[in-house]
Amino acid sequence: MSLYGSRGVHGQLVANIARRVLSGQLPEGTTLDLGALQTELDVSLTALRESLKVLAAKGLVDARQKRGTFVRPRADWNLLDPDVLRWQFSAEADVSLLRSLNEVRWIVEPAAVRLAAERRTEEDLARLDAALAAMARAADSDGAVEADLAFHRALLDVTHNELLTRMQAVLESALAARDQLVHGTAQHSDDPVPSHRAVLDGVRARDPDAAEAAMRALLEKAITDEERLRPGTDAEE
């Protein structure tokens, strides 16, 4: 899902610098002091330059003669890149970012489950059943996150639409980071299985209206779960 999420020292270095850019710690237009970064991060200049090449490919930084390496304007960032999404959530999971993810999900997933209900096969249902069973068995937040991702990944596949299937890379990376925030907090105690089972029931019954209604209810529940994370929210309400 992510090329540089946690792949050794190199991956950690790339993620470290990326989070500084995405959080605004290194603002747009800032010229990077490579010597200072090298000393602070205790890495070789070669390793630092290689990491910056990764970030340049994702639109976060650029290098010019006489100016050096600098942070590019946000408009140039590849915000749909799975790594950038992951890093942005881990750098600063602000309300606007969660809202953007929710808006994309509201546009894509209700329509996707309608197609899934019309096109699903017995093999598709078996895969969704397996994901739901894994969700029921999940004993910790990591298991819950992986099961949730598997379910939503399968739903896009069940549309049998190649372009929707390719959207997995974008949605899955953002959803994984969002799920870690929600499932990793003690405030989250609701059982996710019933809301997901309702979606599956609609797909199984070849009922697009029921599948869509269940998905919209699931997304409403997701927003409620996220609201518990906001400062000042009473966990017992």
Protein backbone atom coordinates (compact mmCIF):
# COMPACT_ATOMS: atom_id res chain seq x y z
CA MET A 1 0.00 0.00 0.00
CA SER A 2 2.82 2.43 0.80
CA LEU A 3 6.32 2.34 -0.60
CA TYR A 4 8.03 4.28 2.15
CA GLY A 5 5.73 3.95 5.17
CA SER A 6 8.27 2.25 7.43
CA ARG A 7 10.94 0.65 5.27
CA GLY A 8 14.08 0.79 7.39
CA VAL A 9 16.17 3.87 8.05
CA HIS A 10 15.55 5.28 4.58
CA GLY A 11 11.78 5.04 4.96
CA GLN A 12 11.89 6.64 8.40
CA LEU A 13 14.01 9.50 7.09
CA VAL A 14 11.66 10.15 4.16
CA ALA A 15 8.63 10.07 6.48
CA ASN A 16 10.32 12.36 9.02
CA ILE A 17 10.98 15.11 6.49
CA ALA A 18 7.62 14.63 4.78
CA ARG A 19 5.74 15.12 8.06
CA ARG A 20 7.63 18.36 8.69
CA VAL A 21 6.56 19.66 5.31
CA LEU A 22 2.95 18.48 5.56
CA SER A 23 2.49 19.82 9.09
CA GLY A 24 3.88 23.24 8.18
CA GLN A 25 6.96 22.88 10.35
CA LEU A 26 8.83 23.45 7.08
CA PRO A 27 6.55 26.02 5.41
CA GLU A 28 6.00 26.42 1.69
CA GLY A 29 8.91 28.23 0.06
CA THR A 30 11.39 27.33 2.81
CA THR A 31 14.90 26.63 1.54
CA LEU A 32 16.21 23.59 3.38
CA ASP A 33 19.50 23.78 5.23
CA LEU A 34 20.84 20.37 4.27
CA GLY A 35 23.84 20.64 6.56
CA ALA A 36 21.67 21.40 9.57
CA LEU A 37 19.24 18.61 8.69
CA GLN A 38 22.10 16.16 8.23
CA THR A 39 23.47 17.00 11.68
CA GLU A 40 20.07 16.98 13.40
CA LEU A 41 18.96 13.69 11.88
CA ASP A 42 22.42 12.09 12.12
CA VAL A 43 22.45 10.81 8.55
CA SER A 44 24.85 11.01 5.66
CA LEU A 45 24.41 13.69 3.02
CA THR A 46 23.91 10.93 0.46
CA ALA A 47 21.05 9.42 2.47
CA LEU A 48 19.49 12.84 2.91
CA ARG A 49 19.67 13.62 -0.80
CA GLU A 50 18.16 10.24 -1.70
CA SER A 51 15.27 10.89 0.66
CA LEU A 52 14.68 14.31 -0.85
CA LYS A 53 14.51 12.72 -4.30
CA VAL A 54 11.57 10.65 -3.08
CA LEU A 55 9.81 13.75 -1.79
CA ALA A 56 10.58 15.61 -5.02
CA ALA A 57 8.87 12.85 -7.00
CA LYS A 58 5.78 13.39 -4.86
CA GLY A 59 5.79 17.13 -5.45
CA LEU A 60 6.73 18.19 -1.91
CA VAL A 61 10.17 19.65 -2.61
CA ASP A 62 12.28 20.78 -5.56
CA ALA A 63 15.87 21.81 -6.15
CA ARG A 64 17.20 24.70 -8.24
CA GLN A 65 20.64 26.06 -8.91
CA LYS A 66 21.55 29.02 -6.69
CA ARG A 67 18.43 28.43 -4.57
CA GLY A 68 19.02 24.89 -3.33
CA THR A 69 16.30 22.51 -2.15
CA PHE A 70 13.03 24.16 -1.14
CA VAL A 71 9.47 23.27 -0.15
CA ARG A 72 7.10 23.58 -3.08
CA PRO A 73 3.67 25.28 -2.83
CA ARG A 74 0.90 23.05 -1.50
CA ALA A 75 -0.83 23.26 -4.89
CA ASP A 76 2.06 21.22 -6.33
CA TRP A 77 1.90 18.43 -3.75
CA ASN A 78 0.59 15.08 -4.94
CA LEU A 79 -2.06 14.85 -2.23
CA LEU A 80 -3.58 11.70 -3.76
CA ASP A 81 -0.31 9.78 -3.45
CA PRO A 82 -0.86 7.01 -0.88
CA ASP A 83 2.36 7.86 0.98
CA VAL A 84 1.50 11.56 1.12
CA LEU A 85 -1.94 10.74 2.51
CA ARG A 86 -0.44 8.48 5.16
CA TRP A 87 2.18 11.02 6.15
CA GLN A 88 -0.34 13.84 6.25
CA PHE A 89 -2.58 11.95 8.66
CA SER A 90 0.35 11.06 10.90
CA ALA A 91 1.69 14.62 10.78
CA GLU A 92 -1.56 16.34 11.65
CA ALA A 93 -4.91 14.58 11.58
CA ASP A 94 -6.91 17.82 11.52
CA VAL A 95 -10.64 18.15 11.09
CA SER A 96 -10.37 19.45 7.52
CA LEU A 97 -8.42 16.39 6.40
CA LEU A 98 -10.96 14.00 7.90
CA ARG A 99 -13.74 16.04 6.33
CA SER A 100 -12.10 15.78 2.92
CA LEU A 101 -11.81 12.00 3.28
CA ASN A 102 -15.44 11.74 4.32
CA GLU A 103 -16.58 13.78 1.33
CA VAL A 104 -14.70 11.50 -1.06
CA ARG A 105 -16.16 8.43 0.62
CA TRP A 106 -19.70 9.86 0.42
CA ILE A 107 -19.23 10.39 -3.32
CA VAL A 108 -17.64 7.02 -4.09
CA GLU A 109 -18.81 4.30 -1.72
CA PRO A 110 -22.64 4.58 -1.87
CA ALA A 111 -22.48 4.46 -5.68
CA ALA A 112 -19.93 1.65 -5.56
CA VAL A 113 -22.10 -0.61 -3.41
CA ARG A 114 -24.98 -0.17 -5.84
CA LEU A 115 -22.78 -1.61 -8.57
CA ALA A 116 -21.55 -4.31 -6.18
CA ALA A 117 -25.14 -5.37 -5.47
CA GLU A 118 -25.85 -5.67 -9.19
CA ARG A 119 -22.62 -7.44 -10.19
CA ARG A 120 -21.49 -9.55 -7.23
CA THR A 121 -20.63 -13.20 -7.70
CA GLU A 122 -20.58 -16.02 -5.17
CA GLU A 123 -16.79 -15.67 -5.01
CA ASP A 124 -17.21 -11.96 -4.23
CA LEU A 125 -19.61 -12.77 -1.40
CA ALA A 126 -17.18 -15.30 0.03
CA ARG A 127 -14.47 -12.64 0.15
CA LEU A 128 -16.79 -10.15 1.87
CA ASP A 129 -17.91 -12.83 4.33
CA ALA A 130 -14.27 -13.57 5.17
CA ALA A 131 -13.54 -9.91 5.81
CA LEU A 132 -16.60 -9.59 8.04
CA ALA A 133 -15.59 -12.72 9.98
CA ALA A 134 -12.11 -11.28 10.49
CA MET A 135 -13.70 -8.07 11.78
CA ALA A 136 -15.71 -10.07 14.32
CA ARG A 137 -12.56 -11.92 15.46
CA ALA A 138 -10.33 -8.86 15.74
CA ALA A 139 -8.78 -8.77 19.18
CA ASP A 140 -6.92 -5.45 18.90
CA SER A 141 -6.89 -2.22 16.93
CA ASP A 142 -4.45 -3.56 14.31
CA GLY A 143 -6.73 -6.50 13.58
CA ALA A 144 -9.78 -4.24 13.42
CA VAL A 145 -8.08 -1.87 11.00
CA GLU A 146 -6.90 -4.66 8.68
CA ALA A 147 -10.35 -6.28 8.63
CA ASP A 148 -12.04 -2.97 7.88
CA LEU A 149 -9.62 -2.29 5.03
CA ALA A 150 -10.16 -5.77 3.63
CA PHE A 151 -13.92 -5.26 3.62
CA HIS A 152 -13.84 -1.89 1.85
CA ARG A 153 -11.15 -3.13 -0.54
CA ALA A 154 -13.38 -6.06 -1.47
CA LEU A 155 -16.39 -3.80 -2.00
CA LEU A 156 -14.57 -1.79 -4.65
CA ASP A 157 -13.40 -4.99 -6.31
CA VAL A 158 -16.96 -6.33 -6.37
CA THR A 159 -18.00 -3.43 -8.63
CA HIS A 160 -15.94 -5.12 -11.35
CA ASN A 161 -15.04 -1.62 -12.52
CA GLU A 162 -11.31 -1.37 -13.12
CA LEU A 163 -11.09 2.37 -12.44
CA LEU A 164 -12.98 2.09 -9.15
CA THR A 165 -10.74 -0.81 -8.17
CA ARG A 166 -7.68 1.33 -8.82
CA MET A 167 -9.03 3.92 -6.36
CA GLN A 168 -8.18 1.47 -3.59
CA ALA A 169 -4.66 2.86 -3.33
CA VAL A 170 -5.98 6.33 -2.53
CA LEU A 171 -8.89 5.43 -0.27
CA GLU A 172 -7.11 2.59 1.51
CA SER A 173 -4.10 4.65 2.57
CA ALA A 174 -6.28 7.44 3.96
CA LEU A 175 -8.76 5.01 5.51
CA ALA A 176 -5.95 3.07 7.20
CA ALA A 177 -4.65 6.21 8.88
CA ARG A 178 -8.17 7.27 9.83
CA ASP A 179 -8.94 3.82 11.25
CA GLN A 180 -5.79 3.84 13.37
CA LEU A 181 -6.96 7.10 14.93
CA VAL A 182 -10.47 5.82 15.62
CA HIS A 183 -9.79 2.21 16.63
CA GLY A 184 -6.69 3.14 18.58
CA THR A 185 -8.55 5.28 21.10
CA ALA A 186 -10.21 3.99 24.24
CA GLN A 187 -13.24 6.11 23.34
CA HIS A 188 -14.02 3.80 20.45
CA SER A 189 -16.08 0.92 21.77
CA ASP A 190 -18.87 0.42 19.20
CA ASP A 191 -19.05 -2.92 17.40
CA PRO A 192 -18.38 -2.25 13.68
CA VAL A 193 -19.76 -5.62 12.54
CA PRO A 194 -23.53 -4.83 12.41
CA SER A 195 -23.14 -1.75 10.21
CA HIS A 196 -20.85 -3.61 7.81
CA ARG A 197 -23.10 -6.69 7.82
CA ALA A 198 -26.02 -4.51 6.74
CA VAL A 199 -24.04 -3.41 3.70
CA LEU A 200 -23.16 -7.00 2.89
CA ASP A 201 -26.80 -8.09 3.30
CA GLY A 202 -27.85 -5.55 0.69
CA VAL A 203 -25.14 -6.69 -1.70
CA ARG A 204 -26.01 -10.36 -1.12
CA ALA A 205 -29.71 -9.68 -1.79
CA ARG A 206 -28.86 -7.88 -5.04
CA ASP A 207 -30.72 -4.89 -3.61
CA PRO A 208 -28.88 -1.68 -4.65
CA ASP A 209 -31.19 0.58 -2.64
CA ALA A 210 -30.69 -1.39 0.57
CA ALA A 211 -26.92 -1.60 0.02
CA GLU A 212 -26.68 2.14 -0.58
CA ALA A 213 -28.81 2.99 2.46
CA ALA A 214 -26.67 0.73 4.65
CA MET A 215 -23.47 2.31 3.34
CA ARG A 216 -24.77 5.80 4.04
CA ALA A 217 -25.65 4.71 7.59
CA LEU A 218 -22.15 3.25 7.98
CA LEU A 219 -20.58 6.53 6.84
CA GLU A 220 -22.75 8.48 9.27
CA LYS A 221 -21.49 6.21 12.04
CA ALA A 222 -17.91 6.82 10.90
CA ILE A 223 -18.41 10.57 11.28
CA THR A 224 -19.81 10.05 14.78
CA ASP A 225 -16.76 7.98 15.72
CA GLU A 226 -14.45 10.72 14.46
CA GLU A 227 -16.27 13.40 16.45
CA ARG A 228 -15.27 11.57 19.63
CA LEU A 229 -11.65 12.34 18.80
CA ARG A 230 -12.14 16.08 18.78
CA PRO A 231 -10.81 18.05 21.76
CA GLY A 232 -13.45 18.74 24.38
CA THR A 233 -15.66 15.82 23.36
CA ASP A 234 -16.93 13.86 26.35
CA ALA A 235 -16.11 10.17 25.81
CA GLU A 236 -19.08 9.15 27.95
CA GLU A 237 -21.68 11.09 25.97
